[in-house]
Protein backbone atom coordinates (compact mmCIF):
# COMPACT_ATOMS: atom_id res chain seq x y z
CA UNK A 1 3.29 -0.40 -61.58
CA UNK A 2 2.71 -3.76 -64.55
CA UNK A 3 0.64 -6.81 -63.55
CA UNK A 4 0.78 -10.21 -65.24
CA UNK A 5 -0.83 -12.77 -65.46
CA UNK A 6 -0.95 -15.71 -67.84
CA UNK A 7 -3.77 -18.23 -69.33
CA UNK A 8 -3.92 -20.86 -71.20
CA UNK A 9 -5.42 -21.53 -74.99
CA UNK A 10 -5.23 -23.22 -78.05
CA UNK A 11 -2.71 -22.45 -80.78
CA UNK A 12 -5.16 -22.61 -83.70
CA UNK A 13 -2.76 -21.02 -86.03
CA UNK A 14 0.55 -19.85 -86.73
CA UNK A 15 2.06 -16.19 -87.31
CA UNK A 16 4.55 -15.01 -89.12
CA UNK A 17 5.85 -11.74 -87.10
CA UNK A 18 7.89 -9.14 -89.02
CA UNK A 19 8.28 -5.61 -87.63
CA UNK A 20 7.68 -2.24 -89.32
CA UNK A 21 10.84 -1.20 -87.94
CA UNK A 22 12.94 -3.64 -89.82
CA UNK A 23 14.82 -3.10 -93.16
CA UNK A 24 11.34 -5.11 -95.09
CA UNK A 25 8.51 -3.40 -93.34
CA UNK A 26 6.44 -6.35 -94.65
CA UNK A 27 3.79 -7.92 -92.78
CA UNK A 28 2.92 -11.66 -93.34
CA UNK A 29 -0.80 -11.49 -91.75
CA UNK A 30 -3.27 -8.73 -91.92
CA UNK A 31 -5.21 -10.67 -89.14
CA UNK A 32 -5.28 -10.05 -85.02
CA UNK A 33 -6.03 -13.18 -83.46
CA UNK A 34 -4.94 -12.69 -79.97
CA UNK A 35 -7.23 -15.40 -78.86
CA UNK A 36 -4.80 -18.29 -80.45
CA UNK A 37 -2.12 -17.40 -78.21
CA UNK A 38 -1.03 -19.60 -75.57
CA UNK A 39 0.14 -16.48 -73.26
CA UNK A 40 -1.56 -13.12 -72.49
CA UNK A 41 -0.38 -10.63 -70.12
CA UNK A 42 -1.11 -7.14 -69.20
CA UNK A 43 0.90 -3.92 -69.35
CA UNK A 44 -0.02 0.21 -68.46
CA UNK A 45 2.36 2.96 -70.04
CA UNK A 46 4.64 4.01 -69.91
CA UNK A 47 6.91 1.06 -70.54
CA UNK A 48 10.19 3.24 -70.24
CA UNK A 49 10.00 6.42 -67.73
CA UNK A 50 13.50 7.60 -68.25
CA UNK A 51 14.63 9.72 -71.05
CA UNK A 52 13.83 7.23 -74.50
CA UNK A 53 13.25 10.00 -77.28
CA UNK A 54 12.46 9.26 -80.60
CA UNK A 55 12.17 5.25 -80.10
CA UNK A 56 12.81 2.94 -82.72
CA UNK A 57 12.08 -0.90 -81.74
CA UNK A 58 13.88 -3.98 -83.71
CA UNK A 59 12.88 -7.68 -83.13
CA UNK A 60 16.54 -9.69 -83.86
CA UNK A 61 16.54 -13.07 -84.18
CA UNK A 62 18.26 -13.77 -81.36
CA UNK A 63 14.85 -13.36 -79.15
CA UNK A 64 15.03 -10.18 -77.85
CA UNK A 65 13.64 -6.56 -79.09
CA UNK A 66 16.26 -4.17 -79.38
CA UNK A 67 15.08 -0.19 -78.37
CA UNK A 68 17.18 2.23 -79.64
CA UNK A 69 16.59 6.50 -78.82
CA UNK A 70 18.48 9.81 -79.30
CA UNK A 71 21.19 10.75 -77.45
CA UNK A 72 22.32 6.69 -78.06
CA UNK A 73 20.35 4.89 -75.50
CA UNK A 74 19.84 1.39 -76.36
CA UNK A 75 17.23 -1.62 -74.52
CA UNK A 76 15.89 -5.07 -75.01
CA UNK A 77 13.17 -6.80 -73.94
CA UNK A 78 11.95 -10.22 -74.20
CA UNK A 79 8.42 -9.51 -74.66
CA UNK A 80 7.96 -5.75 -76.13
CA UNK A 81 7.24 -4.59 -72.44
CA UNK A 82 9.68 -5.23 -69.99
CA UNK A 83 13.27 -3.15 -71.27
CA UNK A 84 16.91 -2.98 -69.61
CA UNK A 85 19.19 -0.61 -70.72
CA UNK A 86 21.47 -2.14 -71.92
CA UNK A 87 24.31 0.46 -73.87
CA UNK A 88 24.80 3.94 -74.52
CA UNK A 89 26.24 4.19 -78.05
CA UNK A 90 29.23 7.11 -78.97
CA UNK A 91 28.78 10.00 -80.52
CA UNK A 92 29.85 10.48 -83.46
CA UNK A 93 32.44 13.66 -84.30
CA UNK A 94 32.03 14.32 -88.16
CA UNK A 95 28.80 16.45 -87.88
CA UNK A 96 28.65 20.15 -87.14
CA UNK A 97 30.50 20.69 -83.36
CA UNK A 98 28.31 20.06 -80.87
CA UNK A 99 26.08 17.60 -82.65
CA UNK A 100 24.46 14.93 -81.21
CA UNK A 101 22.75 11.16 -81.86
CA UNK A 102 19.34 11.33 -82.84
CA UNK A 103 16.96 9.34 -84.04
CA UNK A 104 18.74 6.00 -84.76
CA UNK A 105 17.16 2.91 -86.45
CA UNK A 106 18.71 -0.76 -87.17
CA UNK A 107 18.44 -2.75 -90.60
CA UNK A 108 19.95 -6.22 -90.97
CA UNK A 109 21.92 -6.42 -94.36
CA UNK A 110 23.12 -10.05 -94.69
CA UNK A 111 24.91 -10.85 -91.40
CA UNK A 112 25.62 -6.73 -90.81
CA UNK A 113 23.51 -4.83 -88.25
CA UNK A 114 23.18 -1.01 -89.77
CA UNK A 115 22.44 1.80 -87.04
CA UNK A 116 21.63 4.77 -89.14
CA UNK A 117 21.08 7.64 -87.02
CA UNK A 118 21.35 11.86 -87.40
CA UNK A 119 23.78 14.14 -86.35
CA UNK A 120 22.25 17.23 -85.46
CA UNK A 121 22.43 20.07 -83.64
CA UNK A 122 19.04 22.58 -83.02
CA UNK A 123 19.13 24.95 -85.81
CA UNK A 124 22.05 23.03 -87.42
CA UNK A 125 22.65 24.57 -90.82
CA UNK A 126 23.96 20.91 -92.24
CA UNK A 127 22.89 17.92 -90.51
CA UNK A 128 23.41 14.39 -91.94
CA UNK A 129 22.50 10.89 -91.72
CA UNK A 130 25.54 8.18 -90.37
CA UNK A 131 25.66 4.48 -90.28
CA UNK A 132 26.86 2.27 -87.79
CA UNK A 133 27.93 -1.44 -88.26
CA UNK A 134 27.78 -4.20 -85.80
CA UNK A 135 27.77 -8.21 -85.82
CA UNK A 136 25.01 -7.97 -82.97
CA UNK A 137 22.01 -5.67 -82.20
CA UNK A 138 23.18 -4.87 -78.89
CA UNK A 139 26.78 -3.89 -80.42
CA UNK A 140 29.56 -2.81 -80.23
CA UNK A 141 28.93 -1.07 -83.48
CA UNK A 142 31.81 0.54 -85.30
CA UNK A 143 30.90 3.84 -87.29
CA UNK A 144 31.42 4.13 -90.37
CA UNK A 145 31.21 8.14 -90.96
CA UNK A 146 28.17 10.17 -92.72
CA UNK A 147 26.56 8.60 -95.45
CA UNK A 148 24.96 12.06 -96.38
CA UNK A 149 24.21 15.41 -95.48
CA UNK A 150 21.51 18.11 -96.28
CA UNK A 151 24.62 19.87 -98.61
CA UNK A 152 25.48 16.67 -100.41
CA UNK A 153 21.89 15.32 -100.41
CA UNK A 154 20.05 18.76 -101.50
CA UNK A 155 17.62 17.71 -98.72
CA UNK A 156 17.57 20.53 -96.16
CA UNK A 157 17.23 19.13 -92.36
CA UNK A 158 18.62 15.81 -93.43
CA UNK A 159 17.42 14.32 -90.18
CA UNK A 160 15.06 11.08 -89.29
CA UNK A 161 16.35 8.22 -90.90
CA UNK A 162 14.05 5.07 -91.61
CA UNK A 163 15.15 1.90 -93.89
CA UNK A 164 13.02 -0.87 -95.27
CA UNK A 165 13.48 -3.54 -98.49
CA UNK A 166 10.64 -2.78 -100.78
CA UNK A 167 8.91 -6.05 -100.39
CA UNK A 168 7.98 -5.92 -104.35
CA UNK A 169 11.09 -5.26 -105.77
CA UNK A 170 13.73 -5.69 -103.61
CA UNK A 171 15.12 -2.75 -103.75
CA UNK A 172 16.81 -1.04 -100.45
CA UNK A 173 15.67 2.26 -99.14
CA UNK A 174 16.14 5.12 -96.44
CA UNK A 175 13.76 7.55 -95.96
CA UNK A 176 13.77 10.40 -93.93
CA UNK A 177 13.21 14.63 -93.49
CA UNK A 178 11.75 17.08 -91.54
CA UNK A 179 9.59 19.75 -91.96
CA UNK A 180 10.84 20.12 -95.65
CA UNK A 181 9.67 16.91 -97.04
CA UNK A 182 9.73 13.02 -96.90
CA UNK A 183 12.39 11.86 -99.41
CA UNK A 184 13.49 8.60 -100.21
CA UNK A 185 16.83 7.33 -101.60
CA UNK A 186 17.69 3.82 -102.36
CA UNK A 187 20.97 2.19 -101.22
CA UNK A 188 23.16 -0.87 -102.03
CA UNK A 189 20.55 -3.41 -101.35
CA UNK A 190 24.03 -6.10 -100.11
CA UNK A 191 25.53 -3.38 -97.92
CA UNK A 192 22.92 -0.65 -97.01
CA UNK A 193 26.55 1.75 -97.11
CA UNK A 194 25.90 3.41 -100.38
CA UNK A 195 23.46 5.13 -102.42
CA UNK A 196 22.01 4.83 -106.02
CA UNK A 197 20.58 7.36 -107.94
CA UNK A 198 18.90 10.80 -107.10
CA UNK A 199 16.50 11.15 -103.77
CA UNK A 200 13.05 10.99 -104.38
CA UNK A 201 10.47 13.22 -102.55
CA UNK A 202 7.33 11.07 -101.37
CA UNK A 203 5.71 14.11 -99.23
CA UNK A 204 5.96 17.03 -100.53
CA UNK A 205 4.07 18.63 -97.90
CA UNK A 206 6.36 20.62 -94.97
CA UNK A 207 4.18 19.75 -92.13
CA UNK A 208 6.21 16.24 -91.42
CA UNK A 209 8.75 14.03 -90.11
CA UNK A 210 10.20 11.29 -88.89
CA UNK A 211 8.83 8.84 -90.90
CA UNK A 212 8.01 5.03 -90.63
CA UNK A 213 6.90 2.56 -93.01
CA UNK A 214 4.94 -0.91 -92.73
CA UNK A 215 3.87 -2.51 -96.11
CA UNK A 216 0.99 -4.44 -95.23
CA UNK A 217 -1.37 -6.49 -97.76
CA UNK A 218 0.31 -4.48 -100.61
CA UNK A 219 -0.13 -1.08 -99.26
CA UNK A 220 2.87 0.98 -98.00
CA UNK A 221 1.74 2.92 -94.96
CA UNK A 222 4.03 5.98 -93.89
CA UNK A 223 3.66 7.00 -90.28
CA UNK A 224 4.83 10.68 -89.44
CA UNK A 225 4.98 13.17 -86.87
CA UNK A 226 3.69 16.46 -87.35
CA UNK A 227 3.57 19.75 -84.49
CA UNK A 228 6.01 20.52 -81.97
CA UNK A 229 7.92 17.47 -80.79
CA UNK A 230 9.85 19.02 -77.51
CA UNK A 231 8.04 21.85 -75.60
CA UNK A 232 6.83 19.76 -72.36
CA UNK A 233 3.14 20.42 -71.86
CA UNK A 234 3.30 22.52 -75.25
CA UNK A 235 4.18 20.33 -77.65
CA UNK A 236 1.56 19.26 -80.34
CA UNK A 237 3.46 16.55 -81.71
CA UNK A 238 1.14 14.00 -83.44
CA UNK A 239 0.90 11.16 -85.14
CA UNK A 240 -1.01 11.03 -88.92
CA UNK A 241 -0.47 8.27 -91.56
CA UNK A 242 -0.75 7.87 -95.58
CA UNK A 243 -0.83 5.45 -97.93
CA UNK A 244 0.45 4.09 -101.48
CA UNK A 245 0.22 0.78 -103.24
CA UNK A 246 3.77 1.23 -104.38
CA UNK A 247 7.46 2.68 -101.94
CA UNK A 248 7.54 5.66 -103.67
CA UNK A 249 4.13 7.04 -103.93
CA UNK A 250 2.00 8.62 -104.84
CA UNK A 251 0.64 8.79 -101.26
CA UNK A 252 -2.71 10.06 -100.03
CA UNK A 253 -3.58 10.82 -96.51
CA UNK A 254 -5.51 8.13 -94.38
CA UNK A 255 -9.20 9.37 -94.55
CA UNK A 256 -9.29 7.72 -90.75
CA UNK A 257 -8.44 10.54 -87.79
CA UNK A 258 -9.47 13.15 -85.48
CA UNK A 259 -10.48 15.87 -87.98
CA UNK A 260 -9.58 18.39 -84.99
CA UNK A 261 -6.59 17.60 -84.98
CA UNK A 262 -5.50 17.59 -88.93
CA UNK A 263 -6.58 13.49 -89.03
CA UNK A 264 -4.13 12.81 -86.71
CA UNK A 265 -4.28 8.99 -85.17
CA UNK A 266 -2.45 9.97 -82.30
CA UNK A 267 -2.52 12.92 -80.38
CA UNK A 268 -2.13 14.20 -76.52
CA UNK A 269 -4.06 12.92 -73.74
CA UNK A 270 -5.38 16.36 -72.36
CA UNK A 271 -5.61 16.51 -68.72
CA UNK A 272 -8.97 15.18 -67.09
CA UNK A 273 -9.09 12.69 -69.51
CA UNK A 274 -11.00 9.89 -67.65
CA UNK A 275 -8.77 6.53 -67.63
CA UNK A 276 -8.30 4.11 -64.64
CA UNK A 277 -4.76 5.51 -62.94
CA UNK A 278 -5.46 8.53 -64.10
CA UNK A 279 -6.63 11.73 -62.29
CA UNK A 280 -7.89 15.28 -63.59
CA UNK A 281 -3.63 16.50 -63.68
CA UNK A 282 -2.75 13.23 -65.61
CA UNK A 283 -2.13 14.39 -69.12
CA UNK A 284 0.49 13.08 -71.93
CA UNK A 285 1.47 15.47 -74.05
CA UNK A 286 3.11 15.41 -77.42
CA UNK A 287 3.11 11.66 -78.56
CA UNK A 288 4.78 10.76 -81.53
CA UNK A 289 7.86 9.95 -83.53
CA UNK A 290 6.15 6.40 -83.94
CA UNK A 291 7.36 2.76 -84.72
CA UNK A 292 4.83 -0.09 -85.59
CA UNK A 293 6.08 -3.63 -84.57
CA UNK A 294 4.35 -7.50 -85.53
CA UNK A 295 3.60 -9.20 -82.52
CA UNK A 296 3.17 -13.38 -82.76
CA UNK A 297 -0.39 -13.21 -83.07
CA UNK A 298 -0.40 -10.80 -86.08
CA UNK A 299 -1.24 -7.58 -84.22
CA UNK A 300 0.58 -4.45 -84.85
CA UNK A 301 1.57 -1.91 -81.81
CA UNK A 302 2.96 1.39 -82.12
CA UNK A 303 5.68 2.74 -80.14
CA UNK A 304 6.17 6.39 -79.70
CA UNK A 305 7.92 8.87 -76.75
CA UNK A 306 5.62 11.74 -74.95
CA UNK A 307 5.52 13.83 -72.06
CA UNK A 308 3.75 12.43 -69.17
CA UNK A 309 2.63 14.80 -66.52
CA UNK A 310 0.90 13.27 -62.95
CA UNK A 311 0.69 16.62 -61.28
CA UNK A 312 4.30 17.71 -63.17
CA UNK A 313 5.23 17.36 -66.50
CA UNK A 314 8.02 15.04 -66.64
CA UNK A 315 10.71 17.10 -68.49
CA UNK A 316 12.17 14.27 -70.71
CA UNK A 317 10.04 12.21 -73.57
CA UNK A 318 9.37 8.77 -72.12
CA UNK A 319 8.27 5.75 -73.82
CA UNK A 320 5.25 4.09 -74.81
CA UNK A 321 3.25 1.44 -76.97
CA UNK A 322 -0.66 0.97 -77.81
CA UNK A 323 -2.09 -1.09 -80.33
CA UNK A 324 -3.22 -0.41 -83.84
CA UNK A 325 -6.39 -0.95 -84.64
CA UNK A 326 -7.63 -1.70 -88.26
CA UNK A 327 -11.06 -0.15 -89.90
CA UNK A 328 -12.63 -2.34 -92.15
CA UNK A 329 -10.83 -0.61 -95.24
CA UNK A 330 -7.71 -1.33 -94.15
CA UNK A 331 -7.04 2.23 -92.16
CA UNK A 332 -4.97 2.01 -88.84
CA UNK A 333 -5.82 4.53 -86.07
CA UNK A 334 -5.25 4.26 -81.97
CA UNK A 335 -8.36 4.01 -80.20
CA UNK A 336 -9.76 7.30 -78.90
CA UNK A 337 -6.89 8.97 -80.79
CA UNK A 338 -5.05 9.19 -77.64
CA UNK A 339 -2.71 7.53 -75.48
CA UNK A 340 -3.70 4.51 -73.07
CA UNK A 341 -3.22 4.58 -69.32
CA UNK A 342 -5.20 1.65 -68.20
CA UNK A 343 -4.34 -1.47 -67.75
CA UNK A 344 -4.36 -3.46 -71.34
CA UNK A 345 -3.76 -6.72 -72.65
CA UNK A 346 0.30 -7.04 -73.83
CA UNK A 347 1.33 -7.96 -77.17
CA UNK A 348 2.04 -12.03 -77.79
CA UNK A 349 4.78 -13.55 -77.75
CA UNK A 350 5.35 -17.38 -77.98
């Protein structure tokens, strides 16, 4: 159960809020200033307790945050914490027979909202990425079909898209990949509906998938997931970060993370971990496929999915969120490198 409370404070500064899950992926401010907020709330994980895998969160200009998930679930929230289901996207049929809609993301070009998605089956020999369009982030969406597939892009297992606009150049990019390198491909900056030139490999390692880009203070932070995503308590999914000073790299691995988990900034909460509300049989397995969102106090929050165990392991991946912390050198991490089940201060939304 989530508990909410409010406390009065004086707004000393105004902050601009932009989400890394939005197309520009940029951040106006690097400071964290929760003490300057007018309202403080608390919450506890999980946020959505039903199937909500591969989450992507977008802050729209209508006052809502929108969340999209594998197999088409759509939810919205006014405060980043309390979510209501509003829609389920139809699955396109242009891909391999039986393919499902995976890992959608949203970007706005002009007045149009583009929803990019992967269309794939397990073991698909030729998965691809397509795009739907709408006049509202709530839809209804019209499918525009395939943007590219593995064969046409030359990239095996072409799934897990993210789209952002490089604040340094104004160029739009789609980044994607799953255990065959991470790639970037320039998009038409006006419509986002066509590719320009050839794809560029920005991460050659085959250990990662599910890229998500945050640009903050001139640094490009590439959040990715490693390990197995979907095996319940045997899942080893975890989040790792690379950084660069330009959109196409070169990228280097963040020095901050748990060395016992290959430098992960977020990995499983094992049974027996002491947190309020959790007992010896409580665990969160396979936290990953993350997405970063900034609140109105300038703080950054990591959304991700995971398998929750309270006595038994839940069979579906559900939605969690934890606050990103930053070292003095500007590297992000989650406190303790594990999901938090404690009651904690919520994002600040003015």
